Amino acid sequence: MKKMNVNKRNLKYGGFAVVLTALIIVAVILLNAAVTALGSAFSWYIDLTGSSVYSVSDEFYDHVDELMDVNSDNDPENDLYLNIVLLMEKDAFRDYNAYTYYVYHTINQITANCEYINLEYINSIQNPELVQDRYMKISGDTPAITDVIVEIAEKGEDGEFVSRSDLGFKKHAINSFYMADSESNSIIGYNAETKFLSAIAQLAGKVGEETSPTVYYLQGHSEPTLDEADDWKKLFEDAGYIVKETNLLSEDFPEKITKGSLVFINCPKTDLSASTSSGVSEIKKLRAFAATSYGNVIVTLDSSSTAASLPTLDALMSEWGVGIGGGITDDEHSVSGSGAVRVLADYSLTKTSIAKSIINKATGTNENRAPTLFTNPRAILVYDNSKIVSPTNSAAACEVLLAPYSSAKVSGTTPANAQVALASITRIIANVSEPEDTTHYVMCIGSSDFVDPELDKTNYNKMLVYQALYVMWSGAMTFDDITYKKFDDNALTVTTEQTNAWTIACVAVIPAAFIIAGTVVWVRRRHS
């Protein structure tokens, strides 16, 4: 039997090469797994998105420092601590869906960079009693598993953050951190920074009874109750206002009105009183609130609101340069939904300074921004500035905030000196020598459900109101220097021809090339 010759030198060095290669591959795999695990735990990544969706802005941290204002008195007992609470294990929250994934990364950065804000998570399935005790006594509703809660906490002796939800908390649904396209309902932007700042501002006491302006929600004219207008109530509270129901037939405004306060007249069904048998005049009180106390006013109307049914309100509005017009329809620029006609606003027709600034800050300036919608809108008539009643040493202007398209039709007769608007903004500076102390605004909206989530799925309507509130009250928690982050459109479009070409290349050409190369090498070695 022929003995097989084994080259020990080749075996020695060849075996060493194989072992070394195997060790390097194993080391690379382990290193990759370790870095991946650490990166996931500590949010190590490079944000390559165009609008820095994965990053928290420096402006956000500047606002947090200002709002928390911790250690300003060098007394640790007065420091404020907050918990951001997830209602499932944090890894489960991160991986739950795409919505929670982005919010998780933002929370991780906030809690890593703010020593006074802590991340806590509760398994709400295993601990329903804990969730009920903490978050259902005040709000009265059951939190969803994907809700994010910001609550007041206190720091224990062991350094742990202890929940003090009894002192206050804010609960946000996961979709409230995003902005969506109104037609496709697809998510187009991320607005988490503003949402967290709003919650922090309120819990930090920056918007308490003494420092906050008040929204006086008018009652007594068959308006929706405050509970029925919950969407508006939440919006005002998120902006930092205190909201109170007020019936001017039996109540007066307080002697001192906090700067930025406003009266909200929300779709009255019966007219306001010019005077009653007892001498009470709501109009007098409202006129004094705006013209003497320099308070702001927001009026909303619906399809049932007419100048004939609300003549006293219409006359008061004319003192602010606006009036009640007819119903608006637009066959070319409307969408149907839930049995209602939804009319689009034409941003290009908003041309004056104040109104254009509000719209651009709320919706951006790009051509693809989502539209603002109105359900069965009532026209707001915008007259020339000469109709505005104001003192001698004053400056006043009424502007179209949102306009219908030129194809829109308005029922009834529109005065020759009036522009048709879906929403308007009036600024009155009662004394130009003291503009900071005497400037007030009136905003009119021709829609009863302007901020209804079923209508305003994009959040653009809400952002518009937020920006108007920011103008009315410079302390409004709208954080003007922070805008929502638009998601990049990185979709790849591939034609059928390109698909076929790549299929042939991957399935046939590349494997054939390797087979041919391998065959050539094998033949040459065999005959060498």
Protein backbone atom coordinates (compact mmCIF):
# COMPACT_ATOMS: atom_id res chain seq x y z
CA MET A 1 0.00 0.00 0.00
CA LYS A 2 1.32 3.35 -1.05
CA LYS A 3 2.00 5.65 1.88
CA MET A 4 0.40 9.10 1.67
CA ASN A 5 2.95 11.90 1.84
CA VAL A 6 1.90 14.69 4.16
CA ASN A 7 3.72 17.99 4.03
CA LYS A 8 3.98 18.78 7.73
CA ARG A 9 5.19 22.31 7.07
CA ASN A 10 2.14 23.12 4.90
CA LEU A 11 -0.16 21.42 7.40
CA LYS A 12 1.37 23.38 10.27
CA TYR A 13 1.13 26.81 8.69
CA GLY A 14 -2.06 26.06 6.77
CA GLY A 15 -3.78 24.89 9.96
CA PHE A 16 -2.56 27.95 11.81
CA ALA A 17 -4.02 30.18 9.07
CA VAL A 18 -7.38 28.40 9.29
CA VAL A 19 -7.49 28.73 13.09
CA LEU A 20 -6.40 32.39 12.94
CA THR A 21 -9.07 33.13 10.33
CA ALA A 22 -11.72 31.42 12.44
CA LEU A 23 -10.67 33.37 15.54
CA ILE A 24 -10.79 36.68 13.67
CA ILE A 25 -14.28 35.90 12.33
CA VAL A 26 -15.51 34.96 15.82
CA ALA A 27 -13.95 38.11 17.30
CA VAL A 28 -15.62 40.29 14.65
CA ILE A 29 -18.99 38.66 15.32
CA LEU A 30 -18.65 39.09 19.10
CA LEU A 31 -17.46 42.69 18.75
CA ASN A 32 -20.37 43.47 16.43
CA ALA A 33 -22.85 41.89 18.87
CA ALA A 34 -21.36 43.79 21.82
CA VAL A 35 -21.38 47.16 20.02
CA THR A 36 -24.95 46.53 18.83
CA ALA A 37 -26.10 45.71 22.37
CA LEU A 38 -24.33 48.72 23.89
CA GLY A 39 -25.54 50.98 21.09
CA SER A 40 -29.11 49.87 21.73
CA ALA A 41 -28.77 50.34 25.50
CA PHE A 42 -27.03 53.73 25.38
CA SER A 43 -28.45 55.06 22.08
CA TRP A 44 -25.09 55.18 20.30
CA TYR A 45 -25.72 56.18 16.73
CA ILE A 46 -24.99 58.88 14.16
CA ASP A 47 -28.08 60.83 13.05
CA LEU A 48 -27.87 61.08 9.25
CA THR A 49 -31.48 62.20 8.74
CA GLY A 50 -31.96 65.55 7.02
CA SER A 51 -34.00 67.08 9.86
CA SER A 52 -32.16 65.33 12.74
CA VAL A 53 -35.19 63.25 13.69
CA TYR A 54 -33.09 61.06 16.02
CA SER A 55 -31.47 64.02 17.81
CA VAL A 56 -32.73 66.40 20.47
CA SER A 57 -31.95 70.04 19.69
CA ASP A 58 -29.84 72.35 21.83
CA GLU A 59 -32.84 74.70 21.96
CA PHE A 60 -34.83 71.98 23.71
CA TYR A 61 -32.26 71.68 26.51
CA ASP A 62 -32.09 75.48 26.81
CA HIS A 63 -35.85 75.57 27.35
CA VAL A 64 -35.69 72.71 29.87
CA ASP A 65 -33.02 74.54 31.90
CA GLU A 66 -35.15 77.67 31.90
CA LEU A 67 -38.37 75.85 32.79
CA MET A 68 -36.93 73.70 35.55
CA ASP A 69 -34.87 76.58 36.96
CA VAL A 70 -33.40 74.17 39.45
CA ASN A 71 -30.86 75.23 42.08
CA SER A 72 -31.53 78.91 41.44
CA ASP A 73 -31.94 79.36 45.20
CA ASN A 74 -29.20 76.85 46.12
CA ASP A 75 -31.77 74.89 48.13
CA PRO A 76 -31.94 71.27 46.95
CA GLU A 77 -35.29 70.80 48.70
CA ASN A 78 -36.86 73.19 46.21
CA ASP A 79 -35.56 71.35 43.18
CA LEU A 80 -38.09 69.83 40.80
CA TYR A 81 -37.84 66.26 39.55
CA LEU A 82 -39.86 64.60 36.81
CA ASN A 83 -40.49 61.05 35.65
CA ILE A 84 -41.20 60.12 32.06
CA VAL A 85 -43.24 56.94 32.47
CA LEU A 86 -43.74 54.14 29.95
CA LEU A 87 -46.54 51.64 30.54
CA MET A 88 -44.56 48.61 29.39
CA GLU A 89 -40.97 47.40 29.64
CA LYS A 90 -38.73 49.90 27.90
CA ASP A 91 -37.41 47.42 25.33
CA ALA A 92 -40.96 46.31 24.57
CA PHE A 93 -41.96 49.98 24.15
CA ARG A 94 -39.02 50.64 21.84
CA ASP A 95 -39.87 47.68 19.61
CA TYR A 96 -43.67 47.97 19.81
CA ASN A 97 -44.03 49.86 16.50
CA ALA A 98 -42.46 52.63 14.44
CA TYR A 99 -44.25 55.34 16.47
CA THR A 100 -42.87 54.18 19.81
CA TYR A 101 -39.41 53.59 18.32
CA TYR A 102 -38.77 57.28 17.61
CA VAL A 103 -40.30 58.46 20.90
CA TYR A 104 -38.17 55.96 22.81
CA HIS A 105 -34.96 57.38 21.30
CA THR A 106 -36.04 60.92 22.23
CA ILE A 107 -36.89 59.91 25.80
CA ASN A 108 -33.57 58.10 26.14
CA GLN A 109 -31.66 61.24 25.16
CA ILE A 110 -33.73 63.54 27.37
CA THR A 111 -33.27 61.38 30.47
CA ALA A 112 -29.57 60.81 29.73
CA ASN A 113 -28.86 64.53 29.44
CA CYS A 114 -31.22 65.97 32.07
CA GLU A 115 -30.30 64.88 35.58
CA TYR A 116 -33.65 66.07 36.93
CA ILE A 117 -35.70 63.93 34.52
CA ASN A 118 -35.84 60.17 34.96
CA LEU A 119 -37.17 57.29 32.87
CA GLU A 120 -39.51 54.88 34.65
CA TYR A 121 -41.44 52.00 33.18
CA ILE A 122 -44.41 50.07 34.55
CA ASN A 123 -45.67 46.78 33.19
CA SER A 124 -49.31 47.87 33.07
CA ILE A 125 -50.50 44.34 32.27
CA GLN A 126 -48.95 42.93 35.44
CA ASN A 127 -49.60 46.03 37.57
CA PRO A 128 -53.01 47.46 36.59
CA GLU A 129 -53.69 48.59 40.17
CA LEU A 130 -50.56 50.76 40.19
CA VAL A 131 -51.59 52.44 36.94
CA GLN A 132 -55.09 52.98 38.29
CA ASP A 133 -53.88 54.47 41.58
CA ARG A 134 -51.47 56.86 39.88
CA TYR A 135 -53.16 57.95 36.66
CA MET A 136 -56.90 57.28 36.79
CA LYS A 137 -57.93 59.31 39.84
CA ILE A 138 -57.30 62.64 38.16
CA SER A 139 -57.86 62.01 34.47
CA GLY A 140 -60.68 59.50 34.86
CA ASP A 141 -59.75 57.56 31.75
CA THR A 142 -57.76 54.43 31.11
CA PRO A 143 -54.29 55.07 29.67
CA ALA A 144 -53.37 53.14 26.54
CA ILE A 145 -50.34 50.88 26.71
CA THR A 146 -48.44 53.18 24.32
CA ASP A 147 -49.26 56.40 26.18
CA VAL A 148 -46.35 58.45 27.52
CA ILE A 149 -46.79 60.08 30.93
CA VAL A 150 -44.75 62.93 32.40
CA GLU A 151 -45.24 63.24 36.16
CA ILE A 152 -43.85 65.12 39.13
CA ALA A 153 -41.43 63.08 41.23
CA GLU A 154 -39.27 63.49 44.29
CA LYS A 155 -35.78 62.19 44.90
CA GLY A 156 -35.48 59.68 47.70
CA GLU A 157 -32.52 59.24 50.05
CA ASP A 158 -31.18 56.44 47.86
CA GLY A 159 -31.27 58.68 44.78
CA GLU A 160 -34.32 56.95 43.31
CA PHE A 161 -37.05 59.07 41.73
CA VAL A 162 -40.35 58.50 43.57
CA SER A 163 -43.64 59.20 41.78
CA ARG A 164 -45.71 62.15 43.00
CA SER A 165 -48.42 61.89 40.38
CA ASP A 166 -50.83 63.25 42.99
CA LEU A 167 -49.10 66.62 42.46
CA GLY A 168 -49.65 66.48 38.73
CA PHE A 169 -48.99 64.56 35.52
CA LYS A 170 -49.54 64.92 31.78
CA LYS A 171 -50.54 61.96 29.63
CA HIS A 172 -49.94 61.98 25.87
CA ALA A 173 -51.16 59.50 23.26
CA ILE A 174 -48.35 58.24 21.06
CA ASN A 175 -49.78 59.75 17.87
CA SER A 176 -49.78 63.23 19.44
CA PHE A 177 -46.00 63.31 18.95
CA TYR A 178 -46.44 63.21 15.16
CA MET A 179 -47.89 65.23 12.30
CA ALA A 180 -49.74 63.53 9.45
CA ASP A 181 -50.75 64.31 5.88
CA SER A 182 -54.45 65.19 5.82
CA GLU A 183 -55.29 63.25 2.67
CA SER A 184 -53.24 60.06 3.02
CA ASN A 185 -53.00 60.13 6.84
CA SER A 186 -49.35 59.16 6.41
CA ILE A 187 -46.94 60.52 9.01
CA ILE A 188 -44.89 63.44 7.65
CA GLY A 189 -43.24 64.91 10.73
CA TYR A 190 -42.16 64.48 14.34
CA ASN A 191 -43.07 67.01 17.02
CA ALA A 192 -41.94 65.33 20.25
CA GLU A 193 -39.75 68.16 21.55
CA THR A 194 -42.63 70.65 21.70
CA LYS A 195 -44.91 68.06 23.29
CA PHE A 196 -42.45 67.25 26.08
CA LEU A 197 -41.66 70.94 26.67
CA SER A 198 -45.35 71.74 27.03
CA ALA A 199 -45.76 69.04 29.68
CA ILE A 200 -42.60 70.10 31.53
CA ALA A 201 -43.65 73.75 31.49
CA GLN A 202 -46.98 73.02 33.12
CA LEU A 203 -45.62 70.59 35.70
CA ALA A 204 -42.79 72.97 36.55
CA GLY A 205 -45.33 75.53 37.72
CA LYS A 206 -44.53 78.04 35.00
CA VAL A 207 -48.20 78.11 34.14
CA GLY A 208 -49.83 78.23 37.56
CA GLU A 209 -52.90 80.22 38.61
CA GLU A 210 -50.89 83.32 39.50
CA THR A 211 -48.62 83.45 36.46
CA SER A 212 -50.82 81.99 33.72
CA PRO A 213 -53.28 83.85 31.57
CA THR A 214 -56.85 82.55 31.64
CA VAL A 215 -59.20 81.43 28.91
CA TYR A 216 -62.67 82.61 29.91
CA TYR A 217 -64.91 80.11 28.15
CA LEU A 218 -68.19 81.92 27.52
CA GLN A 219 -71.43 80.18 28.51
CA GLY A 220 -75.12 81.08 28.46
CA HIS A 221 -75.86 80.97 24.71
CA SER A 222 -76.30 77.23 24.09
CA GLU A 223 -72.60 76.87 23.32
CA PRO A 224 -70.96 73.48 23.84
CA THR A 225 -70.03 72.96 27.47
CA LEU A 226 -66.37 72.88 28.43
CA ASP A 227 -66.55 69.08 28.61
CA GLU A 228 -68.05 68.98 25.12
CA ALA A 229 -65.27 71.26 23.89
CA ASP A 230 -62.56 69.05 25.38
CA ASP A 231 -60.31 69.35 22.29
CA TRP A 232 -60.15 73.12 22.73
CA LYS A 233 -59.66 72.78 26.49
CA LYS A 234 -56.68 70.46 26.02
CA LEU A 235 -55.18 72.75 23.40
CA PHE A 236 -55.37 75.79 25.67
CA GLU A 237 -53.99 73.86 28.64
CA ASP A 238 -51.13 72.49 26.53
CA ALA A 239 -50.29 76.08 25.61
CA GLY A 240 -50.12 76.97 29.30
CA TYR A 241 -53.51 78.59 29.92
CA ILE A 242 -55.93 78.12 32.79
CA VAL A 243 -59.42 77.44 31.38
CA LYS A 244 -62.58 78.56 33.21
CA GLU A 245 -66.24 78.63 32.26
CA THR A 246 -67.72 82.14 32.51
CA ASN A 247 -71.31 83.30 32.27
CA LEU A 248 -71.29 87.08 31.91
CA LEU A 249 -75.01 87.30 32.68
CA SER A 250 -74.17 86.45 36.28
CA GLU A 251 -70.41 87.03 36.55
CA ASP A 252 -67.90 89.79 35.97
CA PHE A 253 -64.31 89.53 34.83
CA PRO A 254 -61.79 89.93 37.67
CA GLU A 255 -60.50 93.44 38.27
CA LYS A 256 -57.00 92.43 37.26
CA ILE A 257 -56.64 90.33 34.11
CA THR A 258 -53.38 88.44 33.58
CA LYS A 259 -51.58 89.52 30.42
CA GLY A 260 -52.42 87.23 27.52
CA SER A 261 -55.82 86.19 28.87
CA LEU A 262 -58.62 85.71 26.37
CA VAL A 263 -62.34 85.21 26.00
CA PHE A 264 -63.35 82.20 23.94
CA ILE A 265 -66.76 82.57 22.26
CA ASN A 266 -67.33 79.09 20.87
CA CYS A 267 -70.22 78.73 18.39
CA PRO A 268 -73.05 80.42 20.32
CA LYS A 269 -76.53 79.38 19.19
CA THR A 270 -78.32 82.34 20.77
CA ASP A 271 -77.24 85.96 20.70
CA LEU A 272 -75.30 87.84 23.34
CA SER A 273 -77.13 90.47 25.34
CA ALA A 274 -76.69 94.17 24.70
CA SER A 275 -78.61 94.77 27.93
CA THR A 276 -81.08 92.94 30.14
CA SER A 277 -83.94 94.08 32.33
CA SER A 278 -81.49 94.07 35.24
CA GLY A 279 -79.06 96.24 33.31
CA VAL A 280 -76.50 93.52 32.60
CA SER A 281 -74.71 93.92 29.27
CA GLU A 282 -72.45 91.15 28.07
CA ILE A 283 -71.33 93.33 25.18
CA LYS A 284 -70.20 96.07 27.57
CA LYS A 285 -68.21 93.57 29.59
CA LEU A 286 -66.59 92.08 26.49
CA ARG A 287 -65.81 95.51 25.08
CA ALA A 288 -64.17 96.51 28.37
CA PHE A 289 -62.24 93.23 28.51
CA ALA A 290 -60.75 93.84 25.06
CA ALA A 291 -60.50 97.62 24.85
CA THR A 292 -59.74 98.52 28.47
CA SER A 293 -58.00 95.45 29.89
CA TYR A 294 -56.39 94.66 26.52
CA GLY A 295 -57.59 91.07 26.61
CA ASN A 296 -57.70 88.85 23.54
CA VAL A 297 -60.75 87.25 21.97
CA ILE A 298 -61.27 84.10 19.89
CA VAL A 299 -64.60 83.58 18.15
CA THR A 300 -65.62 80.39 16.34
CA LEU A 301 -68.73 80.07 14.18
CA ASP A 302 -70.44 77.17 12.47
CA SER A 303 -72.82 76.58 9.58
CA SER A 304 -75.81 77.63 11.71
CA SER A 305 -74.27 80.99 12.69
CA THR A 306 -75.74 83.92 10.74
CA ALA A 307 -75.70 87.68 11.13
CA ALA A 308 -79.50 87.57 11.35
CA SER A 309 -79.51 85.10 14.26
CA LEU A 310 -76.57 86.75 16.07
CA PRO A 311 -76.98 90.49 15.35
CA THR A 312 -75.48 91.71 18.65
CA LEU A 313 -72.39 89.52 18.28
CA ASP A 314 -72.09 90.56 14.63
CA ALA A 315 -72.20 94.25 15.65
CA LEU A 316 -69.51 93.66 18.31
CA MET A 317 -67.33 91.84 15.79
CA SER A 318 -67.63 94.79 13.39
CA GLU A 319 -65.82 96.90 16.02
CA TRP A 320 -62.89 94.51 15.45
CA GLY A 321 -63.12 94.88 11.66
CA VAL A 322 -64.89 91.59 10.95
CA GLY A 323 -68.41 90.26 10.45
CA ILE A 324 -70.44 87.08 9.96
CA GLY A 325 -70.83 86.03 6.31
CA GLY A 326 -72.56 83.20 4.48
CA GLY A 327 -71.71 79.52 4.16
CA ILE A 328 -68.74 78.54 1.99
CA THR A 329 -68.62 75.71 -0.53
CA ASP A 330 -65.88 74.80 -2.99
CA ASP A 331 -66.44 71.93 -5.39
CA GLU A 332 -62.88 72.12 -6.72
CA HIS A 333 -61.04 72.26 -3.40
CA SER A 334 -62.93 70.13 -0.93
CA VAL A 335 -62.89 66.61 0.41
CA SER A 336 -65.73 64.64 1.89
CA GLY A 337 -65.61 62.78 5.15
CA SER A 338 -68.05 61.67 7.85
CA GLY A 339 -70.92 63.17 5.86
CA ALA A 340 -69.42 66.67 5.99
CA VAL A 341 -67.85 68.87 3.34
CA ARG A 342 -64.30 69.84 4.20
CA VAL A 343 -63.00 72.93 2.46
CA LEU A 344 -59.30 73.63 1.96
CA ALA A 345 -57.60 76.95 2.66
CA ASP A 346 -55.39 78.59 0.04
CA TYR A 347 -52.18 79.64 1.80
CA SER A 348 -51.04 81.74 -1.17
CA LEU A 349 -53.85 84.24 -0.54
CA THR A 350 -52.55 85.06 2.96
CA LYS A 351 -50.33 88.01 2.14
CA THR A 352 -50.28 90.46 5.05
CA SER A 353 -47.52 90.49 7.63
CA ILE A 354 -49.07 89.23 10.87
CA ALA A 355 -51.21 86.54 9.25
CA LYS A 356 -48.45 85.30 6.95
CA SER A 357 -46.00 85.04 9.83
CA ILE A 358 -48.48 82.93 11.84
CA ILE A 359 -49.14 80.59 8.91
CA ASN A 360 -45.50 80.13 7.94
CA LYS A 361 -44.47 79.32 11.50
CA ALA A 362 -47.36 76.88 11.90
CA THR A 363 -47.18 75.07 8.56
CA GLY A 364 -43.74 75.85 7.16
CA THR A 365 -43.14 77.35 3.74
CA ASN A 366 -42.53 74.34 1.50
CA GLU A 367 -44.89 73.65 -1.40
CA ASN A 368 -45.87 70.20 -0.11
CA ARG A 369 -47.16 71.31 3.29
CA ALA A 370 -50.47 69.78 4.30
CA PRO A 371 -53.63 71.87 3.88
CA THR A 372 -55.73 73.40 6.64
CA LEU A 373 -59.29 72.04 6.66
CA PHE A 374 -62.69 73.50 7.55
CA THR A 375 -65.90 71.52 7.99
CA ASN A 376 -68.96 73.25 6.46
CA PRO A 377 -67.34 76.65 7.08
CA ARG A 378 -69.01 79.98 7.76
CA ALA A 379 -67.39 82.99 6.05
CA ILE A 380 -65.63 85.58 8.17
CA LEU A 381 -66.01 88.97 6.48
CA VAL A 382 -62.85 91.09 6.77
CA TYR A 383 -63.61 94.79 6.37
CA ASP A 384 -61.15 97.63 5.86
CA ASN A 385 -59.35 98.88 8.95
CA SER A 386 -61.50 102.01 9.19
CA LYS A 387 -64.30 99.99 10.80
CA ILE A 388 -62.10 98.98 13.76
CA VAL A 389 -63.02 100.95 16.88
CA SER A 390 -59.85 102.06 18.64
CA PRO A 391 -58.52 105.08 20.60
CA THR A 392 -56.94 108.12 18.94
CA ASN A 393 -53.31 107.25 19.64
CA SER A 394 -53.68 103.71 18.29
CA ALA A 395 -52.84 101.43 15.38
CA ALA A 396 -55.13 98.66 14.19
CA ALA A 397 -55.28 96.17 11.33
CA CYS A 398 -57.53 93.26 10.43
CA GLU A 399 -56.11 90.59 8.13
CA VAL A 400 -57.23 87.47 6.31
CA LEU A 401 -55.52 84.63 8.16
CA LEU A 402 -56.85 81.79 6.01
CA ALA A 403 -58.60 82.35 2.71
CA PRO A 404 -60.73 80.01 0.59
CA TYR A 405 -59.67 79.31 -2.97
CA SER A 406 -60.97 81.66 -5.67
CA SER A 407 -63.27 78.85 -6.83
CA ALA A 408 -65.20 78.96 -3.54
CA LYS A 409 -68.80 80.15 -3.43
CA VAL A 410 -70.34 82.12 -0.57
CA SER A 411 -74.07 82.01 0.07
CA GLY A 412 -75.94 85.28 0.46
CA THR A 413 -74.61 88.73 -0.33
CA THR A 414 -71.04 89.75 0.45
CA PRO A 415 -70.48 93.51 1.00
CA ALA A 416 -68.30 95.18 -1.63
CA ASN A 417 -65.83 96.42 1.00
CA ALA A 418 -65.28 92.99 2.58
CA GLN A 419 -62.89 90.11 1.85
CA VAL A 420 -64.07 86.57 2.43
CA ALA A 421 -61.97 84.59 4.91
CA LEU A 422 -62.09 81.21 6.58
CA ALA A 423 -60.23 82.73 9.54
CA SER A 424 -59.06 86.23 10.42
CA ILE A 425 -56.71 87.96 12.85
CA THR A 426 -57.10 91.53 14.14
CA ARG A 427 -54.38 93.39 16.01
CA ILE A 428 -55.19 96.53 17.97
CA ILE A 429 -52.47 98.59 19.64
CA ALA A 430 -54.45 100.90 21.90
CA ASN A 431 -51.47 103.15 22.62
CA VAL A 432 -48.57 103.13 20.15
CA SER A 433 -46.38 104.69 22.84
CA GLU A 434 -46.86 101.59 25.00
CA PRO A 435 -47.30 98.73 22.52
CA GLU A 436 -46.13 95.97 24.89
CA ASP A 437 -48.82 96.80 27.44
CA THR A 438 -51.74 97.74 25.17
CA THR A 439 -51.63 95.30 22.24
CA HIS A 440 -54.42 92.76 21.97
CA TYR A 441 -55.79 90.43 19.29
CA VAL A 442 -59.06 89.05 17.99
CA MET A 443 -59.07 85.76 16.08
CA CYS A 444 -62.18 84.54 14.24
CA ILE A 445 -62.55 81.02 12.83
CA GLY A 446 -65.43 79.91 10.61
CA SER A 447 -65.53 76.33 11.84
CA SER A 448 -67.11 74.61 14.82
CA ASP A 449 -64.66 71.71 14.95
CA PHE A 450 -61.43 73.32 13.78
CA VAL A 451 -59.26 71.33 16.23
CA ASP A 452 -61.32 68.13 16.28
CA PRO A 453 -58.83 65.24 15.89
CA GLU A 454 -61.14 63.59 13.36
CA LEU A 455 -60.78 66.68 11.16
CA ASP A 456 -57.31 67.86 12.14
CA LYS A 457 -55.37 64.63 11.66
CA THR A 458 -52.35 66.59 10.44
CA ASN A 459 -52.23 68.80 13.59
CA TYR A 460 -51.82 71.79 11.23
CA ASN A 461 -55.01 73.46 12.50
CA LYS A 462 -53.77 73.11 16.08
CA MET A 463 -50.35 74.47 15.16
CA LEU A 464 -52.04 77.49 13.60
CA VAL A 465 -53.95 78.20 16.82
CA TYR A 466 -50.78 77.63 18.87
CA GLN A 467 -48.94 80.24 16.82
CA ALA A 468 -51.81 82.70 17.20
CA LEU A 469 -51.72 82.11 20.96
CA TYR A 470 -47.98 82.73 20.93
CA VAL A 471 -48.63 86.10 19.29
CA MET A 472 -51.37 86.91 21.80
CA TRP A 473 -49.28 85.92 24.80
CA SER A 474 -45.52 85.86 24.44
CA GLY A 475 -45.37 83.40 27.33
CA ALA A 476 -47.54 80.82 25.59
CA MET A 477 -45.89 77.44 25.65
CA THR A 478 -45.54 77.16 21.89
CA PHE A 479 -41.70 77.34 21.83
CA ASP A 480 -41.38 79.42 18.69
CA ASP A 481 -37.76 78.40 18.00
CA ILE A 482 -38.60 74.68 17.86
CA THR A 483 -40.37 73.35 14.78
CA TYR A 484 -41.54 69.86 13.95
CA LYS A 485 -39.04 67.62 12.15
CA LYS A 486 -40.06 66.57 8.69
CA PHE A 487 -39.38 62.95 7.83
CA ASP A 488 -37.02 62.44 4.88
CA ASP A 489 -38.46 60.83 1.78
CA ASN A 490 -35.80 58.22 1.08
CA ALA A 491 -37.99 55.88 -0.94
CA LEU A 492 -36.29 54.27 -3.94
CA THR A 493 -38.23 54.22 -7.21
CA VAL A 494 -37.28 51.35 -9.48
CA THR A 495 -38.83 50.75 -12.91
CA THR A 496 -39.83 47.30 -14.21
CA GLU A 497 -36.93 47.36 -16.69
CA GLN A 498 -34.46 48.13 -13.90
CA THR A 499 -35.95 45.36 -11.75
CA ASN A 500 -35.59 42.83 -14.58
CA ALA A 501 -32.01 43.94 -15.28
CA TRP A 502 -30.99 43.56 -11.62
CA THR A 503 -32.75 40.18 -11.42
CA ILE A 504 -30.80 38.86 -14.42
CA ALA A 505 -27.55 40.30 -13.04
CA CYS A 506 -27.99 38.78 -9.58
CA VAL A 507 -29.50 35.45 -10.59
CA ALA A 508 -27.59 34.69 -13.80
CA VAL A 509 -24.67 36.96 -14.68
CA ILE A 510 -22.85 37.17 -11.33
CA PRO A 511 -23.15 33.42 -10.50
CA ALA A 512 -22.08 32.55 -14.08
CA ALA A 513 -19.01 34.77 -13.73
CA PHE A 514 -17.99 33.00 -10.52
CA ILE A 515 -18.55 29.56 -12.09
CA ILE A 516 -16.45 30.47 -15.12
CA ALA A 517 -13.66 31.92 -12.96
CA GLY A 518 -13.70 28.88 -10.71
CA THR A 519 -13.61 26.50 -13.69
CA VAL A 520 -10.63 28.32 -15.23
CA VAL A 521 -8.69 28.16 -11.95
CA TRP A 522 -9.51 24.45 -11.52
CA VAL A 523 -8.44 23.58 -15.10
CA ARG A 524 -5.17 25.51 -14.87
CA ARG A 525 -4.25 23.91 -11.54
CA ARG A 526 -5.07 20.44 -12.85
CA HIS A 527 -2.74 20.87 -15.84
CA SER A 528 0.02 22.76 -14.03
